[in-house]
C-alpha atoms as a PDB file:
ATOM      1  CA  MET A   1      -8.185   9.400  -0.795  1.00  0.00           C
ATOM      2  CA  LYS A   2      -8.563  12.026  -3.548  1.00  0.00           C
ATOM      3  CA  LEU A   3      -6.182  11.650  -6.510  1.00  0.00           C
ATOM      4  CA  SER A   4      -4.688  15.098  -7.297  1.00  0.00           C
ATOM      5  CA  ILE A   5      -3.792  14.576 -11.027  1.00  0.00           C
ATOM      6  CA  GLU A   6      -3.536  18.129 -12.749  1.00  0.00           C
ATOM      7  CA  GLN A   7      -1.561  16.852 -15.945  1.00  0.00           C
ATOM      8  CA  CYS A   8      -1.253  14.215 -18.236  1.00  0.00           C
ATOM      9  CA  PRO A   9       2.240  13.097 -18.011  1.00  0.00           C
ATOM     10  CA  TRP A  10       1.721  11.813 -21.715  1.00  0.00           C
ATOM     11  CA  CYS A  11       0.532  15.006 -23.312  1.00  0.00           C
ATOM     12  CA  GLY A  12       0.328  17.767 -20.827  1.00  0.00           C
ATOM     13  CA  GLY A  13      -3.534  17.649 -21.362  1.00  0.00           C
ATOM     14  CA  ARG A  14      -5.681  19.057 -18.208  1.00  0.00           C
ATOM     15  CA  GLU A  15      -8.790  17.377 -19.254  1.00  0.00           C
ATOM     16  CA  PHE A  16      -9.797  14.209 -17.850  1.00  0.00           C
ATOM     17  CA  VAL A  17     -12.847  11.560 -18.283  1.00  0.00           C
ATOM     18  CA  VAL A  18     -14.144   8.685 -16.389  1.00  0.00           C
ATOM     19  CA  GLY A  19     -14.687   5.361 -18.520  1.00  0.00           C
ATOM     20  CA  TYR A  20     -15.286   1.435 -17.281  1.00  0.00           C
ATOM     21  CA  GLN A  21     -14.451  -1.761 -18.256  1.00  0.00           C
ATOM     22  CA  GLY A  22     -16.913  -4.609 -18.094  1.00  0.00           C
ATOM     23  CA  TYR A  23     -17.690  -7.896 -19.092  1.00  0.00           C
ATOM     24  CA  GLU A  24     -14.523  -9.962 -19.762  1.00  0.00           C
ATOM     25  CA  ALA A  25     -12.038  -7.263 -18.652  1.00  0.00           C
ATOM     26  CA  MET A  26     -13.798  -7.288 -15.243  1.00  0.00           C
ATOM     27  CA  MET A  27     -11.619  -7.987 -12.153  1.00  0.00           C
ATOM     28  CA  THR A  28     -13.061 -11.114 -10.675  1.00  0.00           C
ATOM     29  CA  TYR A  29     -13.509 -11.752  -6.976  1.00  0.00           C
ATOM     30  CA  THR A  30     -13.671 -15.827  -7.218  1.00  0.00           C
ATOM     31  CA  PRO A  31     -11.045 -18.228  -8.420  1.00  0.00           C
ATOM     32  CA  GLN A  32     -13.411 -19.496 -11.264  1.00  0.00           C
ATOM     33  CA  GLY A  33     -13.471 -15.872 -12.389  1.00  0.00           C
ATOM     34  CA  PHE A  34     -17.494 -15.839 -13.473  1.00  0.00           C
ATOM     35  CA  THR A  35     -18.508 -13.060 -11.506  1.00  0.00           C
ATOM     36  CA  GLY A  36     -16.790  -9.829 -10.808  1.00  0.00           C
ATOM     37  CA  LYS A  37     -16.742  -5.806 -10.713  1.00  0.00           C
ATOM     38  CA  ARG A  38     -16.214  -3.423 -13.315  1.00  0.00           C
ATOM     39  CA  ILE A  39     -13.140  -1.191 -13.423  1.00  0.00           C
ATOM     40  CA  GLN A  40     -13.219   2.394 -13.658  1.00  0.00           C
ATOM     41  CA  HIS A  41     -10.112   4.300 -15.223  1.00  0.00           C
ATOM     42  CA  LEU A  42      -9.394   7.982 -15.329  1.00  0.00           C
ATOM     43  CA  LEU A  43      -8.272   8.834 -18.835  1.00  0.00           C
ATOM     44  CA  CYS A  44      -6.758  11.919 -20.245  1.00  0.00           C
ATOM     45  CA  LYS A  45      -9.377  13.566 -22.778  1.00  0.00           C
ATOM     46  CA  GLN A  46      -6.868  14.890 -25.053  1.00  0.00           C
ATOM     47  CA  CYS A  47      -5.445  11.578 -25.906  1.00  0.00           C
ATOM     48  CA  GLY A  48      -6.812   8.688 -24.114  1.00  0.00           C
ATOM     49  CA  MET A  49      -3.798   7.706 -21.575  1.00  0.00           C
ATOM     50  CA  VAL A  50      -4.952   5.739 -18.495  1.00  0.00           C
ATOM     51  CA  LEU A  51      -3.791   7.904 -15.722  1.00  0.00           C
ATOM     52  CA  ALA A  52      -5.585   6.052 -12.840  1.00  0.00           C
ATOM     53  CA  SER A  53      -7.715   2.564 -12.918  1.00  0.00           C
ATOM     54  CA  ARG A  54      -9.801   0.983  -9.809  1.00  0.00           C
ATOM     55  CA  VAL A  55     -12.527  -1.507  -9.036  1.00  0.00           C
ATOM     56  CA  ALA A  56     -15.702   0.514  -8.582  1.00  0.00           C
ATOM     57  CA  ASP A  57     -17.133  -1.664  -5.874  1.00  0.00           C
ATOM     58  CA  THR A  58     -14.905  -3.783  -3.594  1.00  0.00           C
ATOM     59  CA  SER A  59     -17.635  -4.948  -1.301  1.00  0.00           C
ATOM     60  CA  LYS A  60     -17.564  -8.377  -2.277  1.00  0.00           C
ATOM     61  CA  TYR A  61     -13.583  -8.809  -2.247  1.00  0.00           C
ATOM     62  CA  GLN A  62     -12.005 -10.972   0.378  1.00  0.00           C
ATOM     63  CA  ASP A  63      -9.889  -9.239   2.780  1.00  0.00           C
ATOM     64  CA  ALA A  64      -6.177  -9.969   2.002  1.00  0.00           C
ATOM     65  CA  ARG A  65      -5.225 -11.376   5.373  1.00  0.00           C
ATOM     66  CA  LYS A  66      -7.576 -14.282   4.768  1.00  0.00           C
ATOM     67  CA  ALA A  67      -6.785 -15.190   1.366  1.00  0.00           C
END
């Protein structure tokens, strides 16, 4: 599924960039929280608003139906 964001709802900007959160702010896949994956964000280049977030690699995560 492609995200179709054409304009920032905060400032009206039309240029977007991708940024990553890692280290302590990563999404963990174990209850202990020691290992995880980076979170990828789509940001408005003009004002910095986070328009969308996702875990960049979901290969290690458990099926929600089995959790």
